[in-house]
Amino acid sequence: MNLLDQASRAERLARSILDERTSEALLRYAQECREKAAYAGGGSTSPIQLMTARLEDTTLQKAL
């Protein structure tokens, strides 16, 4: 499983978990995976995709 797959999986889990701390930890992990993938050239993650993912993370965190 590559970093982008791990990030997507962590984000899906974060949406389904009711515990705020666990959800936040999963979202941080997803963000780290996306950043590592971008710097390592692991996939087609562009800076715009990273910014979009961060905005989605922020929006999701506010919703929780």
PDB file of N, CA and C in Angstrom:
ATOM      1  N   MET A   1       0.859  -1.173   0.000  1.00  0.00           N
ATOM      2  CA  MET A   1       0.000   0.000   0.000  1.00  0.00           C
ATOM      3  C   MET A   1       0.905   1.236   0.000  1.00  0.00           C
ATOM      4  N   ASN A   2       0.673   2.144  -0.960  1.00  0.00           N
ATOM      5  CA  ASN A   2       1.513   3.329  -1.021  1.00  0.00           C
ATOM      6  C   ASN A   2       0.998   4.409  -0.069  1.00  0.00           C
ATOM      7  N   LEU A   3       1.740   5.495   0.016  1.00  0.00           N
ATOM      8  CA  LEU A   3       1.406   6.558   0.964  1.00  0.00           C
ATOM      9  C   LEU A   3       0.059   7.210   0.675  1.00  0.00           C
ATOM     10  N   LEU A   4      -0.258   7.397  -0.584  1.00  0.00           N
ATOM     11  CA  LEU A   4      -1.537   8.025  -0.915  1.00  0.00           C
ATOM     12  C   LEU A   4      -2.713   7.119  -0.563  1.00  0.00           C
ATOM     13  N   ASP A   5      -2.536   5.807  -0.734  1.00  0.00           N
ATOM     14  CA  ASP A   5      -3.577   4.860  -0.318  1.00  0.00           C
ATOM     15  C   ASP A   5      -3.761   4.902   1.195  1.00  0.00           C
ATOM     16  N   GLN A   6      -2.645   4.968   1.915  1.00  0.00           N
ATOM     17  CA  GLN A   6      -2.717   5.040   3.374  1.00  0.00           C
ATOM     18  C   GLN A   6      -3.422   6.318   3.812  1.00  0.00           C
ATOM     19  N   ALA A   7      -3.119   7.423   3.151  1.00  0.00           N
ATOM     20  CA  ALA A   7      -3.757   8.695   3.490  1.00  0.00           C
ATOM     21  C   ALA A   7      -5.265   8.616   3.275  1.00  0.00           C
ATOM     22  N   SER A   8      -5.671   8.083   2.149  1.00  0.00           N
ATOM     23  CA  SER A   8      -7.106   7.955   1.856  1.00  0.00           C
ATOM     24  C   SER A   8      -7.799   7.065   2.875  1.00  0.00           C
ATOM     25  N   ARG A   9      -7.159   5.989   3.216  1.00  0.00           N
ATOM     26  CA  ARG A   9      -7.749   5.061   4.193  1.00  0.00           C
ATOM     27  C   ARG A   9      -7.880   5.729   5.563  1.00  0.00           C
ATOM     28  N   ALA A  10      -6.851   6.460   5.975  1.00  0.00           N
ATOM     29  CA  ALA A  10      -6.890   7.146   7.267  1.00  0.00           C
ATOM     30  C   ALA A  10      -7.995   8.198   7.286  1.00  0.00           C
ATOM     31  N   GLU A  11      -8.182   8.911   6.180  1.00  0.00           N
ATOM     32  CA  GLU A  11      -9.242   9.913   6.112  1.00  0.00           C
ATOM     33  C   GLU A  11     -10.622   9.270   6.192  1.00  0.00           C
ATOM     34  N   ARG A  12     -10.798   8.144   5.535  1.00  0.00           N
ATOM     35  CA  ARG A  12     -12.096   7.441   5.616  1.00  0.00           C
ATOM     36  C   ARG A  12     -12.356   6.979   7.046  1.00  0.00           C
ATOM     37  N   LEU A  13     -11.340   6.443   7.699  1.00  0.00           N
ATOM     38  CA  LEU A  13     -11.504   6.006   9.080  1.00  0.00           C
ATOM     39  C   LEU A  13     -11.832   7.184   9.995  1.00  0.00           C
ATOM     40  N   ALA A  14     -11.162   8.303   9.766  1.00  0.00           N
ATOM     41  CA  ALA A  14     -11.387   9.485  10.607  1.00  0.00           C
ATOM     42  C   ALA A  14     -12.835   9.945  10.537  1.00  0.00           C
ATOM     43  N   ARG A  15     -13.444   9.809   9.388  1.00  0.00           N
ATOM     44  CA  ARG A  15     -14.842  10.224   9.228  1.00  0.00           C
ATOM     45  C   ARG A  15     -15.804   9.310   9.977  1.00  0.00           C
ATOM     46  N   SER A  16     -15.402   8.066  10.193  1.00  0.00           N
ATOM     47  CA  SER A  16     -16.310   7.109  10.812  1.00  0.00           C
ATOM     48  C   SER A  16     -16.097   6.960  12.318  1.00  0.00           C
ATOM     49  N   ILE A  17     -15.057   7.565  12.840  1.00  0.00           N
ATOM     50  CA  ILE A  17     -14.734   7.422  14.267  1.00  0.00           C
ATOM     51  C   ILE A  17     -15.336   8.568  15.056  1.00  0.00           C
ATOM     52  N   LEU A  18     -15.945   8.251  16.161  1.00  0.00           N
ATOM     53  CA  LEU A  18     -16.598   9.265  16.983  1.00  0.00           C
ATOM     54  C   LEU A  18     -15.632   9.921  17.969  1.00  0.00           C
ATOM     55  N   ASP A  19     -14.562   9.245  18.321  1.00  0.00           N
ATOM     56  CA  ASP A  19     -13.599   9.799  19.270  1.00  0.00           C
ATOM     57  C   ASP A  19     -12.774  10.893  18.585  1.00  0.00           C
ATOM     58  N   GLU A  20     -12.867  12.105  19.105  1.00  0.00           N
ATOM     59  CA  GLU A  20     -12.231  13.261  18.464  1.00  0.00           C
ATOM     60  C   GLU A  20     -10.709  13.132  18.414  1.00  0.00           C
ATOM     61  N   ARG A  21     -10.096  12.675  19.480  1.00  0.00           N
ATOM     62  CA  ARG A  21      -8.635  12.546  19.506  1.00  0.00           C
ATOM     63  C   ARG A  21      -8.139  11.547  18.464  1.00  0.00           C
ATOM     64  N   THR A  22      -8.820  10.439  18.366  1.00  0.00           N
ATOM     65  CA  THR A  22      -8.434   9.420  17.388  1.00  0.00           C
ATOM     66  C   THR A  22      -8.624   9.941  15.972  1.00  0.00           C
ATOM     67  N   SER A  23      -9.731  10.611  15.757  1.00  0.00           N
ATOM     68  CA  SER A  23     -10.006  11.176  14.443  1.00  0.00           C
ATOM     69  C   SER A  23      -8.940  12.201  14.056  1.00  0.00           C
ATOM     70  N   GLU A  24      -8.579  13.080  14.974  1.00  0.00           N
ATOM     71  CA  GLU A  24      -7.548  14.079  14.702  1.00  0.00           C
ATOM     72  C   GLU A  24      -6.202  13.420  14.414  1.00  0.00           C
ATOM     73  N   ALA A  25      -5.873  12.379  15.154  1.00  0.00           N
ATOM     74  CA  ALA A  25      -4.618  11.672  14.927  1.00  0.00           C
ATOM     75  C   ALA A  25      -4.589  11.039  13.539  1.00  0.00           C
ATOM     76  N   LEU A  26      -5.706  10.459  13.127  1.00  0.00           N
ATOM     77  CA  LEU A  26      -5.780   9.871  11.789  1.00  0.00           C
ATOM     78  C   LEU A  26      -5.636  10.935  10.703  1.00  0.00           C
ATOM     79  N   LEU A  27      -6.248  12.087  10.910  1.00  0.00           N
ATOM     80  CA  LEU A  27      -6.134  13.161   9.925  1.00  0.00           C
ATOM     81  C   LEU A  27      -4.700  13.694   9.851  1.00  0.00           C
ATOM     82  N   ARG A  28      -4.025  13.786  10.988  1.00  0.00           N
ATOM     83  CA  ARG A  28      -2.614  14.206  10.976  1.00  0.00           C
ATOM     84  C   ARG A  28      -1.766  13.185  10.232  1.00  0.00           C
ATOM     85  N   TYR A  29      -2.028  11.909  10.484  1.00  0.00           N
ATOM     86  CA  TYR A  29      -1.292  10.845   9.798  1.00  0.00           C
ATOM     87  C   TYR A  29      -1.525  10.918   8.288  1.00  0.00           C
ATOM     88  N   ALA A  30      -2.770  11.139   7.886  1.00  0.00           N
ATOM     89  CA  ALA A  30      -3.092  11.247   6.458  1.00  0.00           C
ATOM     90  C   ALA A  30      -2.344  12.418   5.834  1.00  0.00           C
ATOM     91  N   GLN A  31      -2.287  13.527   6.530  1.00  0.00           N
ATOM     92  CA  GLN A  31      -1.582  14.699   6.019  1.00  0.00           C
ATOM     93  C   GLN A  31      -0.085  14.407   5.879  1.00  0.00           C
ATOM     94  N   GLU A  32       0.492  13.744   6.866  1.00  0.00           N
ATOM     95  CA  GLU A  32       1.908  13.375   6.796  1.00  0.00           C
ATOM     96  C   GLU A  32       2.175  12.452   5.608  1.00  0.00           C
ATOM     97  N   CYS A  33       1.292  11.494   5.386  1.00  0.00           N
ATOM     98  CA  CYS A  33       1.452  10.574   4.255  1.00  0.00           C
ATOM     99  C   CYS A  33       1.427  11.329   2.939  1.00  0.00           C
ATOM    100  N   ARG A  34       0.492  12.259   2.807  1.00  0.00           N
ATOM    101  CA  ARG A  34       0.395  13.030   1.570  1.00  0.00           C
ATOM    102  C   ARG A  34       1.634  13.896   1.358  1.00  0.00           C
ATOM    103  N   GLU A  35       2.141  14.492   2.421  1.00  0.00           N
ATOM    104  CA  GLU A  35       3.343  15.318   2.308  1.00  0.00           C
ATOM    105  C   GLU A  35       4.553  14.471   1.931  1.00  0.00           C
ATOM    106  N   LYS A  36       4.698  13.328   2.561  1.00  0.00           N
ATOM    107  CA  LYS A  36       5.815  12.439   2.234  1.00  0.00           C
ATOM    108  C   LYS A  36       5.738  11.957   0.796  1.00  0.00           C
ATOM    109  N   ALA A  37       4.530  11.648   0.353  1.00  0.00           N
ATOM    110  CA  ALA A  37       4.343  11.194  -1.027  1.00  0.00           C
ATOM    111  C   ALA A  37       4.713  12.299  -2.006  1.00  0.00           C
ATOM    112  N   ALA A  38       4.366  13.525  -1.667  1.00  0.00           N
ATOM    113  CA  ALA A  38       4.665  14.650  -2.558  1.00  0.00           C
ATOM    114  C   ALA A  38       6.167  14.879  -2.653  1.00  0.00           C
ATOM    115  N   TYR A  39       6.857  14.812  -1.534  1.00  0.00           N
ATOM    116  CA  TYR A  39       8.291  15.067  -1.531  1.00  0.00           C
ATOM    117  C   TYR A  39       9.075  13.897  -2.115  1.00  0.00           C
ATOM    118  N   ALA A  40       8.546  12.702  -1.969  1.00  0.00           N
ATOM    119  CA  ALA A  40       9.238  11.514  -2.482  1.00  0.00           C
ATOM    120  C   ALA A  40       8.861  11.225  -3.932  1.00  0.00           C
ATOM    121  N   GLY A  41       7.936  11.992  -4.466  1.00  0.00           N
ATOM    122  CA  GLY A  41       7.480  11.731  -5.826  1.00  0.00           C
ATOM    123  C   GLY A  41       6.626  10.486  -5.907  1.00  0.00           C
ATOM    124  N   GLY A  42       6.010  10.114  -4.796  1.00  0.00           N
ATOM    125  CA  GLY A  42       5.204   8.898  -4.738  1.00  0.00           C
ATOM    126  C   GLY A  42       3.796   9.110  -5.228  1.00  0.00           C
ATOM    127  N   GLY A  43       3.606   9.102  -6.495  1.00  0.00           N
ATOM    128  CA  GLY A  43       2.265   9.275  -7.031  1.00  0.00           C
ATOM    129  C   GLY A  43       2.146  10.600  -7.743  1.00  0.00           C
ATOM    130  N   SER A  44       0.937  10.981  -8.009  1.00  0.00           N
ATOM    131  CA  SER A  44       0.701  12.187  -8.788  1.00  0.00           C
ATOM    132  C   SER A  44       0.203  13.324  -7.914  1.00  0.00           C
ATOM    133  N   THR A  45       0.722  13.434  -6.718  1.00  0.00           N
ATOM    134  CA  THR A  45       0.278  14.474  -5.812  1.00  0.00           C
ATOM    135  C   THR A  45       0.956  15.792  -6.171  1.00  0.00           C
ATOM    136  N   SER A  46       0.172  16.737  -6.585  1.00  0.00           N
ATOM    137  CA  SER A  46       0.687  18.061  -6.914  1.00  0.00           C
ATOM    138  C   SER A  46       0.502  18.962  -5.698  1.00  0.00           C
ATOM    139  N   PRO A  47       1.168  20.114  -5.687  1.00  0.00           N
ATOM    140  CA  PRO A  47       0.951  21.058  -4.585  1.00  0.00           C
ATOM    141  C   PRO A  47      -0.512  21.462  -4.440  1.00  0.00           C
ATOM    142  N   ILE A  48      -1.222  21.563  -5.561  1.00  0.00           N
ATOM    143  CA  ILE A  48      -2.641  21.915  -5.501  1.00  0.00           C
ATOM    144  C   ILE A  48      -3.437  20.806  -4.823  1.00  0.00           C
ATOM    145  N   GLN A  49      -3.112  19.556  -5.134  1.00  0.00           N
ATOM    146  CA  GLN A  49      -3.801  18.440  -4.479  1.00  0.00           C
ATOM    147  C   GLN A  49      -3.509  18.431  -2.983  1.00  0.00           C
ATOM    148  N   LEU A  50      -2.278  18.744  -2.592  1.00  0.00           N
ATOM    149  CA  LEU A  50      -1.942  18.800  -1.167  1.00  0.00           C
ATOM    150  C   LEU A  50      -2.735  19.900  -0.471  1.00  0.00           C
ATOM    151  N   MET A  51      -2.822  21.069  -1.091  1.00  0.00           N
ATOM    152  CA  MET A  51      -3.581  22.165  -0.490  1.00  0.00           C
ATOM    153  C   MET A  51      -5.046  21.797  -0.363  1.00  0.00           C
ATOM    154  N   THR A  52      -5.587  21.154  -1.378  1.00  0.00           N
ATOM    155  CA  THR A  52      -6.986  20.724  -1.334  1.00  0.00           C
ATOM    156  C   THR A  52      -7.192  19.720  -0.204  1.00  0.00           C
ATOM    157  N   ALA A  53      -6.265  18.776  -0.072  1.00  0.00           N
ATOM    158  CA  ALA A  53      -6.372  17.778   0.995  1.00  0.00           C
ATOM    159  C   ALA A  53      -6.317  18.444   2.363  1.00  0.00           C
ATOM    160  N   ARG A  54      -5.450  19.437   2.520  1.00  0.00           N
ATOM    161  CA  ARG A  54      -5.356  20.137   3.801  1.00  0.00           C
ATOM    162  C   ARG A  54      -6.641  20.893   4.099  1.00  0.00           C
ATOM    163  N   LEU A  55      -7.221  21.523   3.091  1.00  0.00           N
ATOM    164  CA  LEU A  55      -8.485  22.213   3.288  1.00  0.00           C
ATOM    165  C   LEU A  55      -9.586  21.238   3.686  1.00  0.00           C
ATOM    166  N   GLU A  56      -9.608  20.074   3.048  1.00  0.00           N
ATOM    167  CA  GLU A  56     -10.598  19.049   3.390  1.00  0.00           C
ATOM    168  C   GLU A  56     -10.387  18.566   4.819  1.00  0.00           C
ATOM    169  N   ASP A  57      -9.126  18.393   5.220  1.00  0.00           N
ATOM    170  CA  ASP A  57      -8.820  17.979   6.583  1.00  0.00           C
ATOM    171  C   ASP A  57      -9.335  19.016   7.580  1.00  0.00           C
ATOM    172  N   THR A  58      -9.075  20.289   7.291  1.00  0.00           N
ATOM    173  CA  THR A  58      -9.514  21.361   8.173  1.00  0.00           C
ATOM    174  C   THR A  58     -11.028  21.394   8.265  1.00  0.00           C
ATOM    175  N   THR A  59     -11.693  21.257   7.123  1.00  0.00           N
ATOM    176  CA  THR A  59     -13.153  21.251   7.092  1.00  0.00           C
ATOM    177  C   THR A  59     -13.706  20.077   7.886  1.00  0.00           C
ATOM    178  N   LEU A  60     -13.092  18.917   7.723  1.00  0.00           N
ATOM    179  CA  LEU A  60     -13.537  17.739   8.449  1.00  0.00           C
ATOM    180  C   LEU A  60     -13.326  17.909   9.944  1.00  0.00           C
ATOM    181  N   GLN A  61     -12.189  18.468  10.342  1.00  0.00           N
ATOM    182  CA  GLN A  61     -11.906  18.676  11.761  1.00  0.00           C
ATOM    183  C   GLN A  61     -12.928  19.622  12.372  1.00  0.00           C
ATOM    184  N   LYS A  62     -13.294  20.668  11.655  1.00  0.00           N
ATOM    185  CA  LYS A  62     -14.292  21.618  12.167  1.00  0.00           C
ATOM    186  C   LYS A  62     -15.658  20.956  12.307  1.00  0.00           C
ATOM    187  N   ALA A  63     -15.949  20.010  11.411  1.00  0.00           N
ATOM    188  CA  ALA A  63     -17.235  19.317  11.453  1.00  0.00           C
ATOM    189  C   ALA A  63     -17.328  18.387  12.648  1.00  0.00           C
ATOM    190  N   LEU A  64     -16.171  17.909  13.127  1.00  0.00           N
ATOM    191  CA  LEU A  64     -16.168  16.982  14.264  1.00  0.00           C
ATOM    192  C   LEU A  64     -16.305  17.768  15.510  1.00  0.00           C
TER     193      LEU A  64
END
